Structures are given as structure tokens and as C-alpha cells.
Amino acid sequence: MAKKDQILDAAKLLFNRQGYSKTSVDDISQAVGMRKSSLYYYFKNKEDLFMCSFRDDWEQKFRMFETEANKENNPTDKILAYITQSLNYYEKVVIEHKIPVKALIETRNLYRSFVNKINRGGISFYITAINEGIDSGDFKECEVEKVAEALFLIKFSIQYDQLSMFLHSYPTEEDWTHIREQILYAIGLILDGIRKN
């Protein structure tokens, strides 16, 4: 196994066991028998290690969300199922790994191309579901790409606006429920606007 893969495996194991906050670069370097300075040859920092450790898992999860959402009977339910699953997973990642919201926001900015790939997948899913709704007569004719982007932007904007209040603390389950309800309500308004009566 290549050294980089060994480092990623050790990092993933430690992040899963100890959480993001309690795992240090020293812990990871000790787990693979390297000096901390040698680890920086492979990875920029702790955030880089975290993102690289879980990138494949995250991509797989979002493909699974599509598969699960496509089991719904109508396009509205498909979109809502996809969004709900992604919000629930985001909450799970933050809680299980004890990731400070500030680190999530910073990591998102550092890994813009990876995050954009995930986001484009979501927008593509919305486009497919909206087109399906138009074809089935559930939705009115509309500017599909713009509606899909609006769905993404509303979810993203509310989520990050609400999470920005927790830069120095962790959101509670009640906070997550509130965020999820706000997002689903706003998404519902858009879907109501394109639904045929």
C-alpha cells in the first residue's frame, strides 16, 4: 500500500474514533510511524487530511441519495427526499466527527472544486426530477435549470446562514431540526410555484 493511502487510512480511523477536534496531525503521524513534518509532504494540513480521507465516502453517499430518492413516486417527493437525506447526512458528519462549523466552512472554501462537483450532482438531480415532473404533468413548463439552481441556492444559503451562528459552538439536535424545517419550507414554496393545480 502506498504511503499516502496508509496515511489516509490511519487518518480516517482516527477521525472516526476520536472525532475531528480531538484528532491531531501528531496522532496521525504517530499512527503511521512518520514524523509530523514528513506528513506535510503529502497533505497541507489537518483539513486536507480530513477531506481526502472521506472524499470517496461522500461521493458514494450522494450517489446513494439519488438512488434512494428515485424510489419515490413523484418528482416533488424525489426532490424533498434528496434534500432531506443530504441534510441528515451533513448533520451526522458534523455530530459524529465533532467538526466545528468554522472548520467546515473553511474546508468548503479550500476544496471548492470537490464541493462544486457534489453540488453539480445535486443540481443535475433536481433538473432530472423537474423534467420528469413536466413530462408527467405534475409541474408547469418552467426554466428548469434556473429552478434547479434556485433549489440548490436556497438550501445552501439557509444552511450556511444558520450554521454561521455556531462558529464557536456546536448546533444542537433542536438547531438541526430548525434548519431542516426552514429549508424544506422554502423548497416547498418553490415546488408549489411550479406545480400544476
N, C-alpha and C. Protein backbone atom coordinates (compact mmCIF):
# COMPACT_ATOMS: atom_id res chain seq x y z
N MET A 1 0.85 -1.18 0.00
CA MET A 1 0.00 0.00 0.00
C MET A 1 0.90 1.25 0.00
N ALA A 2 0.55 2.21 -0.84
CA ALA A 2 1.32 3.45 -0.93
C ALA A 2 1.24 4.22 0.39
N LYS A 3 2.27 4.98 0.68
CA LYS A 3 2.34 5.73 1.94
C LYS A 3 1.16 6.68 2.09
N LYS A 4 0.80 7.34 1.01
CA LYS A 4 -0.33 8.29 1.07
C LYS A 4 -1.62 7.57 1.48
N ASP A 5 -1.84 6.38 0.93
CA ASP A 5 -3.02 5.60 1.28
C ASP A 5 -2.97 5.15 2.74
N GLN A 6 -1.78 4.79 3.22
CA GLN A 6 -1.63 4.41 4.63
C GLN A 6 -2.00 5.58 5.55
N ILE A 7 -1.55 6.76 5.16
CA ILE A 7 -1.85 7.95 5.95
C ILE A 7 -3.36 8.20 5.96
N LEU A 8 -3.99 8.09 4.79
CA LEU A 8 -5.43 8.33 4.71
C LEU A 8 -6.21 7.31 5.52
N ASP A 9 -5.80 6.06 5.46
CA ASP A 9 -6.48 5.02 6.26
C ASP A 9 -6.36 5.31 7.75
N ALA A 10 -5.16 5.68 8.18
CA ALA A 10 -4.95 5.99 9.61
C ALA A 10 -5.75 7.22 10.02
N ALA A 11 -5.75 8.24 9.17
CA ALA A 11 -6.50 9.46 9.47
C ALA A 11 -7.99 9.17 9.59
N LYS A 12 -8.51 8.41 8.65
CA LYS A 12 -9.95 8.08 8.67
C LYS A 12 -10.31 7.32 9.94
N LEU A 13 -9.47 6.35 10.30
CA LEU A 13 -9.70 5.57 11.52
C LEU A 13 -9.71 6.48 12.75
N LEU A 14 -8.74 7.37 12.84
CA LEU A 14 -8.66 8.27 14.00
C LEU A 14 -9.79 9.29 14.01
N PHE A 15 -10.13 9.85 12.85
CA PHE A 15 -11.24 10.80 12.81
C PHE A 15 -12.54 10.11 13.22
N ASN A 16 -12.74 8.87 12.76
CA ASN A 16 -13.94 8.13 13.15
C ASN A 16 -13.96 7.80 14.63
N ARG A 17 -12.81 7.47 15.18
CA ARG A 17 -12.74 7.06 16.59
C ARG A 17 -12.76 8.25 17.54
N GLN A 18 -12.00 9.28 17.24
CA GLN A 18 -11.81 10.40 18.18
C GLN A 18 -12.58 11.66 17.82
N GLY A 19 -13.03 11.74 16.57
CA GLY A 19 -13.65 12.97 16.10
C GLY A 19 -12.61 13.91 15.52
N TYR A 20 -13.07 14.88 14.77
CA TYR A 20 -12.18 15.82 14.11
C TYR A 20 -11.39 16.65 15.10
N SER A 21 -12.08 17.22 16.08
CA SER A 21 -11.44 18.14 17.01
C SER A 21 -10.36 17.49 17.86
N LYS A 22 -10.57 16.23 18.23
CA LYS A 22 -9.62 15.56 19.13
C LYS A 22 -8.51 14.82 18.40
N THR A 23 -8.58 14.80 17.09
CA THR A 23 -7.52 14.15 16.31
C THR A 23 -6.53 15.21 15.85
N SER A 24 -5.28 14.98 16.14
CA SER A 24 -4.24 15.93 15.73
C SER A 24 -3.40 15.33 14.61
N VAL A 25 -2.66 16.18 13.93
CA VAL A 25 -1.74 15.71 12.90
C VAL A 25 -0.67 14.84 13.56
N ASP A 26 -0.30 15.16 14.80
CA ASP A 26 0.65 14.32 15.54
C ASP A 26 0.11 12.91 15.71
N ASP A 27 -1.18 12.79 16.06
CA ASP A 27 -1.80 11.47 16.23
C ASP A 27 -1.69 10.66 14.94
N ILE A 28 -1.97 11.31 13.83
CA ILE A 28 -1.96 10.62 12.54
C ILE A 28 -0.54 10.22 12.17
N SER A 29 0.41 11.13 12.35
CA SER A 29 1.80 10.80 12.00
C SER A 29 2.33 9.65 12.87
N GLN A 30 1.97 9.64 14.15
CA GLN A 30 2.38 8.54 15.04
C GLN A 30 1.75 7.22 14.60
N ALA A 31 0.50 7.25 14.16
CA ALA A 31 -0.20 6.03 13.75
C ALA A 31 0.45 5.36 12.54
N VAL A 32 1.10 6.15 11.70
CA VAL A 32 1.76 5.59 10.51
C VAL A 32 3.28 5.54 10.66
N GLY A 33 3.78 5.93 11.84
CA GLY A 33 5.22 5.87 12.10
C GLY A 33 6.03 6.87 11.30
N MET A 34 5.51 8.07 11.17
CA MET A 34 6.20 9.13 10.43
C MET A 34 6.41 10.33 11.34
N ARG A 35 7.34 11.17 10.93
CA ARG A 35 7.47 12.46 11.59
C ARG A 35 6.35 13.35 11.07
N LYS A 36 5.91 14.24 11.94
CA LYS A 36 4.84 15.16 11.56
C LYS A 36 5.25 15.97 10.32
N SER A 37 6.49 16.41 10.29
CA SER A 37 6.95 17.21 9.15
C SER A 37 6.90 16.42 7.84
N SER A 38 7.11 15.11 7.90
CA SER A 38 7.05 14.28 6.69
C SER A 38 5.62 14.17 6.17
N LEU A 39 4.66 14.22 7.08
CA LEU A 39 3.26 14.13 6.69
C LEU A 39 2.86 15.32 5.79
N TYR A 40 3.49 16.47 6.05
CA TYR A 40 3.17 17.67 5.27
C TYR A 40 3.69 17.58 3.83
N TYR A 41 4.50 16.59 3.54
CA TYR A 41 4.90 16.36 2.16
C TYR A 41 3.69 15.88 1.36
N TYR A 42 2.81 15.13 2.01
CA TYR A 42 1.64 14.54 1.36
C TYR A 42 0.37 15.39 1.48
N PHE A 43 0.22 16.09 2.60
CA PHE A 43 -1.01 16.84 2.88
C PHE A 43 -0.68 18.21 3.45
N LYS A 44 -1.48 19.19 3.08
CA LYS A 44 -1.25 20.58 3.51
C LYS A 44 -1.45 20.77 5.01
N ASN A 45 -2.52 20.17 5.54
CA ASN A 45 -2.91 20.41 6.93
C ASN A 45 -3.95 19.38 7.36
N LYS A 46 -4.47 19.55 8.53
CA LYS A 46 -5.46 18.63 9.08
C LYS A 46 -6.74 18.62 8.23
N GLU A 47 -7.17 19.78 7.78
CA GLU A 47 -8.37 19.87 6.95
C GLU A 47 -8.20 19.07 5.66
N ASP A 48 -7.00 19.17 5.07
CA ASP A 48 -6.70 18.44 3.85
C ASP A 48 -6.79 16.93 4.11
N LEU A 49 -6.23 16.50 5.22
CA LEU A 49 -6.31 15.08 5.60
C LEU A 49 -7.76 14.64 5.77
N PHE A 50 -8.55 15.46 6.42
CA PHE A 50 -9.95 15.11 6.65
C PHE A 50 -10.70 14.98 5.34
N MET A 51 -10.57 15.98 4.49
CA MET A 51 -11.29 15.95 3.21
C MET A 51 -10.86 14.77 2.35
N CYS A 52 -9.56 14.55 2.25
CA CYS A 52 -9.06 13.45 1.43
C CYS A 52 -9.46 12.09 1.99
N SER A 53 -9.55 11.99 3.32
CA SER A 53 -9.92 10.73 3.96
C SER A 53 -11.35 10.32 3.64
N PHE A 54 -12.23 11.30 3.50
CA PHE A 54 -13.66 10.98 3.37
C PHE A 54 -14.25 11.31 2.00
N ARG A 55 -13.45 11.83 1.10
CA ARG A 55 -13.95 12.26 -0.22
C ARG A 55 -14.73 11.15 -0.93
N ASP A 56 -14.15 9.97 -1.02
CA ASP A 56 -14.83 8.87 -1.72
C ASP A 56 -16.14 8.49 -1.04
N ASP A 57 -16.11 8.46 0.30
CA ASP A 57 -17.33 8.14 1.06
C ASP A 57 -18.44 9.14 0.74
N TRP A 58 -18.08 10.42 0.71
CA TRP A 58 -19.08 11.46 0.47
C TRP A 58 -19.66 11.35 -0.93
N GLU A 59 -18.81 11.12 -1.92
CA GLU A 59 -19.32 10.97 -3.28
C GLU A 59 -20.26 9.78 -3.37
N GLN A 60 -19.89 8.69 -2.74
CA GLN A 60 -20.72 7.50 -2.74
C GLN A 60 -22.06 7.77 -2.04
N LYS A 61 -22.03 8.49 -0.93
CA LYS A 61 -23.27 8.80 -0.20
C LYS A 61 -24.23 9.60 -1.08
N PHE A 62 -23.71 10.62 -1.77
CA PHE A 62 -24.59 11.44 -2.59
C PHE A 62 -25.16 10.66 -3.78
N ARG A 63 -24.41 9.70 -4.31
CA ARG A 63 -24.97 8.83 -5.35
C ARG A 63 -26.08 7.96 -4.74
N MET A 64 -25.86 7.50 -3.50
CA MET A 64 -26.87 6.71 -2.82
C MET A 64 -28.13 7.54 -2.56
N PHE A 65 -27.96 8.83 -2.22
CA PHE A 65 -29.13 9.69 -2.00
C PHE A 65 -29.98 9.76 -3.26
N GLU A 66 -29.32 9.85 -4.42
CA GLU A 66 -30.06 9.88 -5.68
C GLU A 66 -30.84 8.58 -5.88
N THR A 67 -30.16 7.47 -5.64
CA THR A 67 -30.81 6.17 -5.82
C THR A 67 -32.02 6.04 -4.90
N GLU A 68 -31.85 6.41 -3.65
CA GLU A 68 -32.95 6.31 -2.68
C GLU A 68 -34.09 7.28 -3.04
N ALA A 69 -33.74 8.51 -3.40
CA ALA A 69 -34.76 9.50 -3.74
C ALA A 69 -35.54 9.08 -4.97
N ASN A 70 -34.88 8.42 -5.92
CA ASN A 70 -35.55 7.97 -7.14
C ASN A 70 -36.57 6.87 -6.89
N LYS A 71 -36.59 6.31 -5.69
CA LYS A 71 -37.60 5.31 -5.35
C LYS A 71 -38.95 5.94 -5.03
N GLU A 72 -38.95 7.26 -4.83
CA GLU A 72 -40.20 7.98 -4.56
C GLU A 72 -41.06 7.99 -5.81
N ASN A 73 -42.37 8.13 -5.64
CA ASN A 73 -43.31 8.02 -6.75
C ASN A 73 -43.48 9.28 -7.58
N ASN A 74 -43.19 10.43 -7.02
CA ASN A 74 -43.39 11.65 -7.80
C ASN A 74 -42.19 12.57 -7.65
N PRO A 75 -42.03 13.51 -8.59
CA PRO A 75 -40.83 14.35 -8.60
C PRO A 75 -40.69 15.25 -7.37
N THR A 76 -41.79 15.72 -6.82
CA THR A 76 -41.71 16.55 -5.60
C THR A 76 -41.11 15.74 -4.46
N ASP A 77 -41.62 14.54 -4.28
CA ASP A 77 -41.10 13.69 -3.20
C ASP A 77 -39.65 13.29 -3.43
N LYS A 78 -39.28 13.12 -4.69
CA LYS A 78 -37.88 12.79 -5.01
C LYS A 78 -36.95 13.93 -4.58
N ILE A 79 -37.33 15.15 -4.92
CA ILE A 79 -36.51 16.31 -4.57
C ILE A 79 -36.43 16.47 -3.06
N LEU A 80 -37.57 16.37 -2.39
CA LEU A 80 -37.59 16.51 -0.93
C LEU A 80 -36.81 15.40 -0.24
N ALA A 81 -36.89 14.19 -0.78
CA ALA A 81 -36.15 13.06 -0.20
C ALA A 81 -34.64 13.28 -0.36
N TYR A 82 -34.24 13.75 -1.53
CA TYR A 82 -32.80 14.01 -1.77
C TYR A 82 -32.28 15.07 -0.81
N ILE A 83 -33.01 16.16 -0.68
CA ILE A 83 -32.59 17.25 0.20
C ILE A 83 -32.57 16.80 1.65
N THR A 84 -33.60 16.09 2.07
CA THR A 84 -33.67 15.61 3.46
C THR A 84 -32.50 14.68 3.76
N GLN A 85 -32.22 13.76 2.86
CA GLN A 85 -31.10 12.84 3.07
C GLN A 85 -29.78 13.59 3.17
N SER A 86 -29.57 14.57 2.31
CA SER A 86 -28.30 15.30 2.35
C SER A 86 -28.17 16.12 3.63
N LEU A 87 -29.28 16.71 4.09
CA LEU A 87 -29.25 17.46 5.35
C LEU A 87 -28.99 16.54 6.54
N ASN A 88 -29.64 15.39 6.54
CA ASN A 88 -29.44 14.43 7.63
C ASN A 88 -28.00 13.93 7.66
N TYR A 89 -27.44 13.69 6.49
CA TYR A 89 -26.06 13.21 6.42
C TYR A 89 -25.09 14.29 6.89
N TYR A 90 -25.32 15.51 6.47
CA TYR A 90 -24.48 16.63 6.89
C TYR A 90 -24.49 16.74 8.41
N GLU A 91 -25.67 16.65 8.99
CA GLU A 91 -25.79 16.69 10.45
C GLU A 91 -25.01 15.54 11.09
N LYS A 92 -25.16 14.35 10.52
CA LYS A 92 -24.48 13.17 11.07
C LYS A 92 -22.96 13.34 11.02
N VAL A 93 -22.45 13.84 9.91
CA VAL A 93 -21.00 14.04 9.79
C VAL A 93 -20.51 15.03 10.83
N VAL A 94 -21.22 16.13 11.01
CA VAL A 94 -20.81 17.14 11.98
C VAL A 94 -20.85 16.58 13.40
N ILE A 95 -21.93 15.87 13.73
CA ILE A 95 -22.07 15.35 15.09
C ILE A 95 -21.10 14.20 15.36
N GLU A 96 -21.03 13.23 14.45
CA GLU A 96 -20.16 12.07 14.69
C GLU A 96 -18.68 12.45 14.76
N HIS A 97 -18.26 13.36 13.90
CA HIS A 97 -16.86 13.73 13.85
C HIS A 97 -16.53 14.95 14.71
N LYS A 98 -17.57 15.48 15.35
CA LYS A 98 -17.39 16.65 16.22
C LYS A 98 -16.60 17.75 15.49
N ILE A 99 -17.09 18.07 14.31
CA ILE A 99 -16.41 19.06 13.48
C ILE A 99 -16.94 20.45 13.82
N PRO A 100 -16.06 21.36 14.18
CA PRO A 100 -16.52 22.74 14.39
C PRO A 100 -17.06 23.31 13.07
N VAL A 101 -18.14 24.05 13.15
CA VAL A 101 -18.75 24.62 11.95
C VAL A 101 -17.73 25.51 11.22
N LYS A 102 -16.93 26.23 11.97
CA LYS A 102 -15.91 27.09 11.36
C LYS A 102 -14.98 26.26 10.47
N ALA A 103 -14.57 25.08 10.93
CA ALA A 103 -13.70 24.21 10.13
C ALA A 103 -14.42 23.73 8.87
N LEU A 104 -15.72 23.44 8.99
CA LEU A 104 -16.49 23.02 7.81
C LEU A 104 -16.53 24.11 6.75
N ILE A 105 -16.78 25.32 7.20
CA ILE A 105 -16.86 26.44 6.26
C ILE A 105 -15.50 26.68 5.61
N GLU A 106 -14.43 26.64 6.40
CA GLU A 106 -13.09 26.85 5.85
C GLU A 106 -12.72 25.73 4.89
N THR A 107 -13.05 24.50 5.25
CA THR A 107 -12.74 23.35 4.40
C THR A 107 -13.50 23.45 3.09
N ARG A 108 -14.75 23.86 3.17
CA ARG A 108 -15.57 24.02 1.97
C ARG A 108 -14.91 25.00 1.01
N ASN A 109 -14.36 26.07 1.54
CA ASN A 109 -13.70 27.07 0.69
C ASN A 109 -12.40 26.55 0.10
N LEU A 110 -11.66 25.74 0.87
CA LEU A 110 -10.39 25.19 0.39
C LEU A 110 -10.58 24.15 -0.71
N TYR A 111 -11.68 23.43 -0.66
CA TYR A 111 -11.91 22.33 -1.59
C TYR A 111 -13.07 22.63 -2.52
N ARG A 112 -13.06 23.82 -3.04
CA ARG A 112 -14.14 24.31 -3.87
C ARG A 112 -14.44 23.38 -5.04
N SER A 113 -13.43 22.85 -5.72
CA SER A 113 -13.70 22.01 -6.91
C SER A 113 -14.41 20.71 -6.51
N PHE A 114 -14.01 20.10 -5.40
CA PHE A 114 -14.68 18.88 -4.95
C PHE A 114 -16.11 19.20 -4.53
N VAL A 115 -16.28 20.26 -3.76
CA VAL A 115 -17.61 20.66 -3.30
C VAL A 115 -18.50 21.01 -4.49
N ASN A 116 -17.92 21.70 -5.47
CA ASN A 116 -18.70 22.04 -6.67
C ASN A 116 -19.15 20.80 -7.43
N LYS A 117 -18.31 19.77 -7.43
CA LYS A 117 -18.69 18.51 -8.09
C LYS A 117 -19.91 17.91 -7.41
N ILE A 118 -19.91 17.88 -6.08
CA ILE A 118 -21.06 17.37 -5.32
C ILE A 118 -22.29 18.24 -5.60
N ASN A 119 -22.09 19.56 -5.59
CA ASN A 119 -23.20 20.48 -5.83
C ASN A 119 -23.79 20.32 -7.22
N ARG A 120 -22.92 20.18 -8.22
CA ARG A 120 -23.41 19.99 -9.60
C ARG A 120 -24.22 18.69 -9.70
N GLY A 121 -23.80 17.67 -8.95
CA GLY A 121 -24.57 16.42 -8.93
C GLY A 121 -25.97 16.65 -8.39
N GLY A 122 -26.09 17.45 -7.33
CA GLY A 122 -27.40 17.77 -6.77
C GLY A 122 -28.26 18.56 -7.75
N ILE A 123 -27.67 19.55 -8.38
CA ILE A 123 -28.40 20.36 -9.36
C ILE A 123 -28.85 19.49 -10.53
N SER A 124 -27.99 18.61 -10.97
CA SER A 124 -28.34 17.69 -12.05
C SER A 124 -29.52 16.79 -11.65
N PHE A 125 -29.50 16.34 -10.40
CA PHE A 125 -30.62 15.53 -9.91
C PHE A 125 -31.92 16.33 -9.94
N TYR A 126 -31.86 17.59 -9.49
CA TYR A 126 -33.06 18.45 -9.50
C TYR A 126 -33.56 18.65 -10.92
N ILE A 127 -32.65 18.87 -11.87
CA ILE A 127 -33.03 19.07 -13.27
C ILE A 127 -33.79 17.85 -13.79
N THR A 128 -33.24 16.68 -13.52
CA THR A 128 -33.89 15.44 -13.97
C THR A 128 -35.28 15.30 -13.36
N ALA A 129 -35.40 15.55 -12.06
CA ALA A 129 -36.70 15.42 -11.38
C ALA A 129 -37.71 16.45 -11.89
N ILE A 130 -37.27 17.67 -12.13
CA ILE A 130 -38.18 18.71 -12.64
C ILE A 130 -38.65 18.35 -14.05
N ASN A 131 -37.71 17.91 -14.90
CA ASN A 131 -38.10 17.49 -16.25
C ASN A 131 -39.08 16.33 -16.21
N GLU A 132 -38.85 15.41 -15.30
CA GLU A 132 -39.77 14.29 -15.12
C GLU A 132 -41.15 14.82 -14.71
N GLY A 133 -41.18 15.81 -13.83
CA GLY A 133 -42.44 16.40 -13.40
C GLY A 133 -43.17 17.12 -14.51
N ILE A 134 -42.43 17.77 -15.39
CA ILE A 134 -43.04 18.43 -16.54
C ILE A 134 -43.62 17.38 -17.49
N ASP A 135 -42.82 16.34 -17.75
CA ASP A 135 -43.28 15.26 -18.65
C ASP A 135 -44.52 14.54 -18.13
N SER A 136 -44.60 14.38 -16.80
CA SER A 136 -45.74 13.65 -16.22
C SER A 136 -46.95 14.55 -15.98
N GLY A 137 -46.77 15.87 -16.17
CA GLY A 137 -47.87 16.80 -15.95
C GLY A 137 -47.99 17.28 -14.51
N ASP A 138 -47.03 16.90 -13.65
CA ASP A 138 -47.04 17.38 -12.26
C ASP A 138 -46.59 18.83 -12.16
N PHE A 139 -45.63 19.21 -13.02
CA PHE A 139 -45.07 20.57 -13.00
C PHE A 139 -45.41 21.31 -14.28
N LYS A 140 -45.50 22.64 -14.15
CA LYS A 140 -45.69 23.50 -15.31
C LYS A 140 -44.37 23.61 -16.07
N GLU A 141 -44.48 24.04 -17.32
CA GLU A 141 -43.27 24.38 -18.07
C GLU A 141 -42.57 25.50 -17.30
N CYS A 142 -41.27 25.41 -17.21
CA CYS A 142 -40.50 26.43 -16.49
C CYS A 142 -39.07 26.42 -17.00
N GLU A 143 -38.28 27.37 -16.53
CA GLU A 143 -36.86 27.38 -16.86
C GLU A 143 -36.18 26.40 -15.90
N VAL A 144 -36.07 25.17 -16.32
CA VAL A 144 -35.67 24.05 -15.47
C VAL A 144 -34.33 24.30 -14.78
N GLU A 145 -33.33 24.72 -15.55
CA GLU A 145 -32.01 24.91 -14.95
C GLU A 145 -32.04 26.00 -13.87
N LYS A 146 -32.77 27.08 -14.13
CA LYS A 146 -32.85 28.16 -13.14
C LYS A 146 -33.57 27.71 -11.88
N VAL A 147 -34.63 26.93 -12.04
CA VAL A 147 -35.36 26.42 -10.87
C VAL A 147 -34.46 25.48 -10.08
N ALA A 148 -33.74 24.60 -10.79
CA ALA A 148 -32.83 23.66 -10.11
C ALA A 148 -31.74 24.42 -9.34
N GLU A 149 -31.18 25.43 -9.96
CA GLU A 149 -30.15 26.23 -9.28
C GLU A 149 -30.75 26.97 -8.08
N ALA A 150 -31.99 27.45 -8.22
CA ALA A 150 -32.65 28.13 -7.10
C ALA A 150 -32.86 27.17 -5.94
N LEU A 151 -33.25 25.94 -6.22
CA LEU A 151 -33.41 24.94 -5.16
C LEU A 151 -32.09 24.75 -4.42
N PHE A 152 -31.02 24.61 -5.17
CA PHE A 152 -29.70 24.44 -4.56
C PHE A 152 -29.32 25.66 -3.73
N LEU A 153 -29.48 26.85 -4.31
CA LEU A 153 -29.07 28.07 -3.62
C LEU A 153 -29.86 28.32 -2.34
N ILE A 154 -31.14 28.02 -2.37
CA ILE A 154 -31.95 28.19 -1.17
C ILE A 154 -31.49 27.25 -0.07
N LYS A 155 -31.29 25.99 -0.42
CA LYS A 155 -30.80 25.02 0.58
C LYS A 155 -29.46 25.47 1.13
N PHE A 156 -28.55 25.78 0.25
CA PHE A 156 -27.20 26.19 0.64
C PHE A 156 -27.22 27.46 1.48
N SER A 157 -27.96 28.46 1.05
CA SER A 157 -27.98 29.76 1.74
C SER A 157 -28.55 29.65 3.14
N ILE A 158 -29.68 28.98 3.28
CA ILE A 158 -30.29 28.84 4.61
C ILE A 158 -29.37 28.01 5.51
N GLN A 159 -28.86 26.92 4.97
CA GLN A 159 -27.99 26.04 5.76
C GLN A 159 -26.77 26.81 6.29
N TYR A 160 -26.07 27.52 5.41
CA TYR A 160 -24.87 28.21 5.85
C TYR A 160 -25.16 29.47 6.65
N ASP A 161 -26.26 30.12 6.37
CA ASP A 161 -26.64 31.27 7.20
C ASP A 161 -26.89 30.81 8.63
N GLN A 162 -27.66 29.75 8.77
CA GLN A 162 -27.99 29.25 10.11
C GLN A 162 -26.76 28.67 10.81
N LEU A 163 -25.93 27.94 10.08
CA LEU A 163 -24.75 27.34 10.69
C LEU A 163 -23.70 28.39 11.08
N SER A 164 -23.70 29.52 10.40
CA SER A 164 -22.71 30.56 10.74
C SER A 164 -22.91 31.11 12.15
N MET A 165 -24.06 30.85 12.75
CA MET A 165 -24.29 31.28 14.13
C MET A 165 -23.56 30.37 15.12
N PHE A 166 -22.99 29.27 14.64
CA PHE A 166 -22.35 28.29 15.52
C PHE A 166 -20.86 28.19 15.26
N LEU A 167 -20.22 29.31 14.95
CA LEU A 167 -18.79 29.28 14.67
C LEU A 167 -17.97 28.87 15.88
N HIS A 168 -18.49 29.12 17.06
CA HIS A 168 -17.73 28.82 18.28
C HIS A 168 -18.45 27.84 19.20
N SER A 169 -19.45 27.17 18.66
CA SER A 169 -20.19 26.17 19.43
C SER A 169 -20.74 25.14 18.45
N TYR A 170 -21.42 24.14 18.98
CA TYR A 170 -22.00 23.10 18.14
C TYR A 170 -23.52 23.24 18.11
N PRO A 171 -24.12 23.09 16.92
CA PRO A 171 -25.59 23.11 16.87
C PRO A 171 -26.16 21.89 17.60
N THR A 172 -27.27 22.11 18.28
CA THR A 172 -27.95 21.01 18.98
C THR A 172 -28.87 20.29 17.99
N GLU A 173 -29.45 19.19 18.42
CA GLU A 173 -30.43 18.49 17.56
C GLU A 173 -31.60 19.41 17.24
N GLU A 174 -31.99 20.21 18.23
CA GLU A 174 -33.09 21.17 18.02
C GLU A 174 -32.70 22.19 16.94
N ASP A 175 -31.45 22.64 16.97
CA ASP A 175 -30.97 23.58 15.95
C ASP A 175 -31.02 22.94 14.56
N TRP A 176 -30.57 21.68 14.47
CA TRP A 176 -30.59 20.98 13.19
C TRP A 176 -32.03 20.82 12.69
N THR A 177 -32.94 20.50 13.59
CA THR A 177 -34.35 20.35 13.21
C THR A 177 -34.88 21.67 12.66
N HIS A 178 -34.55 22.75 13.33
CA HIS A 178 -34.99 24.09 12.88
C HIS A 178 -34.44 24.40 11.49
N ILE A 179 -33.15 24.13 11.27
CA ILE A 179 -32.54 24.38 9.96
C ILE A 179 -33.24 23.55 8.88
N ARG A 180 -33.44 22.27 9.17
CA ARG A 180 -34.09 21.37 8.21
C ARG A 180 -35.50 21.87 7.88
N GLU A 181 -36.26 22.26 8.90
CA GLU A 181 -37.63 22.74 8.68
C GLU A 181 -37.64 24.00 7.83
N GLN A 182 -36.73 24.93 8.10
CA GLN A 182 -36.66 26.17 7.31
C GLN A 182 -36.37 25.86 5.84
N ILE A 183 -35.41 24.99 5.62
CA ILE A 183 -35.03 24.66 4.25
C ILE A 183 -36.18 23.97 3.52
N LEU A 184 -36.77 22.99 4.15
CA LEU A 184 -37.86 22.25 3.48
C LEU A 184 -39.07 23.13 3.23
N TYR A 185 -39.33 24.09 4.11
CA TYR A 185 -40.43 25.02 3.89
C TYR A 185 -40.16 25.88 2.66
N ALA A 186 -38.95 26.44 2.58
CA ALA A 186 -38.60 27.30 1.44
C ALA A 186 -38.59 26.51 0.13
N ILE A 187 -38.06 25.30 0.17
CA ILE A 187 -38.05 24.45 -1.03
C ILE A 187 -39.49 24.14 -1.44
N GLY A 188 -40.35 23.87 -0.46
CA GLY A 188 -41.76 23.59 -0.74
C GLY A 188 -42.44 24.75 -1.46
N LEU A 189 -42.10 25.98 -1.09
CA LEU A 189 -42.67 27.15 -1.76
C LEU A 189 -42.31 27.18 -3.24
N ILE A 190 -41.06 26.87 -3.55
CA ILE A 190 -40.64 26.85 -4.96
C ILE A 190 -41.37 25.75 -5.70
N LEU A 191 -41.41 24.57 -5.10
CA LEU A 191 -42.08 23.45 -5.78
C LEU A 191 -43.57 23.73 -5.96
N ASP A 192 -44.19 24.40 -4.98
CA ASP A 192 -45.61 24.78 -5.14
C ASP A 192 -45.76 25.74 -6.33
N GLY A 193 -44.77 26.59 -6.53
CA GLY A 193 -44.84 27.56 -7.63
C GLY A 193 -44.78 26.94 -9.00
N ILE A 194 -44.17 25.77 -9.13
CA ILE A 194 -44.09 25.13 -10.46
C ILE A 194 -45.10 23.98 -10.60
N ARG A 195 -45.79 23.66 -9.51
CA ARG A 195 -46.74 22.55 -9.55
C ARG A 195 -48.00 22.97 -10.32
N LYS A 196 -48.51 22.06 -11.15
CA LYS A 196 -49.78 22.30 -11.82
C LYS A 196 -50.90 22.05 -10.84
N ASN A 197 -51.91 22.89 -10.86
CA ASN A 197 -53.04 22.71 -9.93
C ASN A 197 -54.12 21.85 -10.51
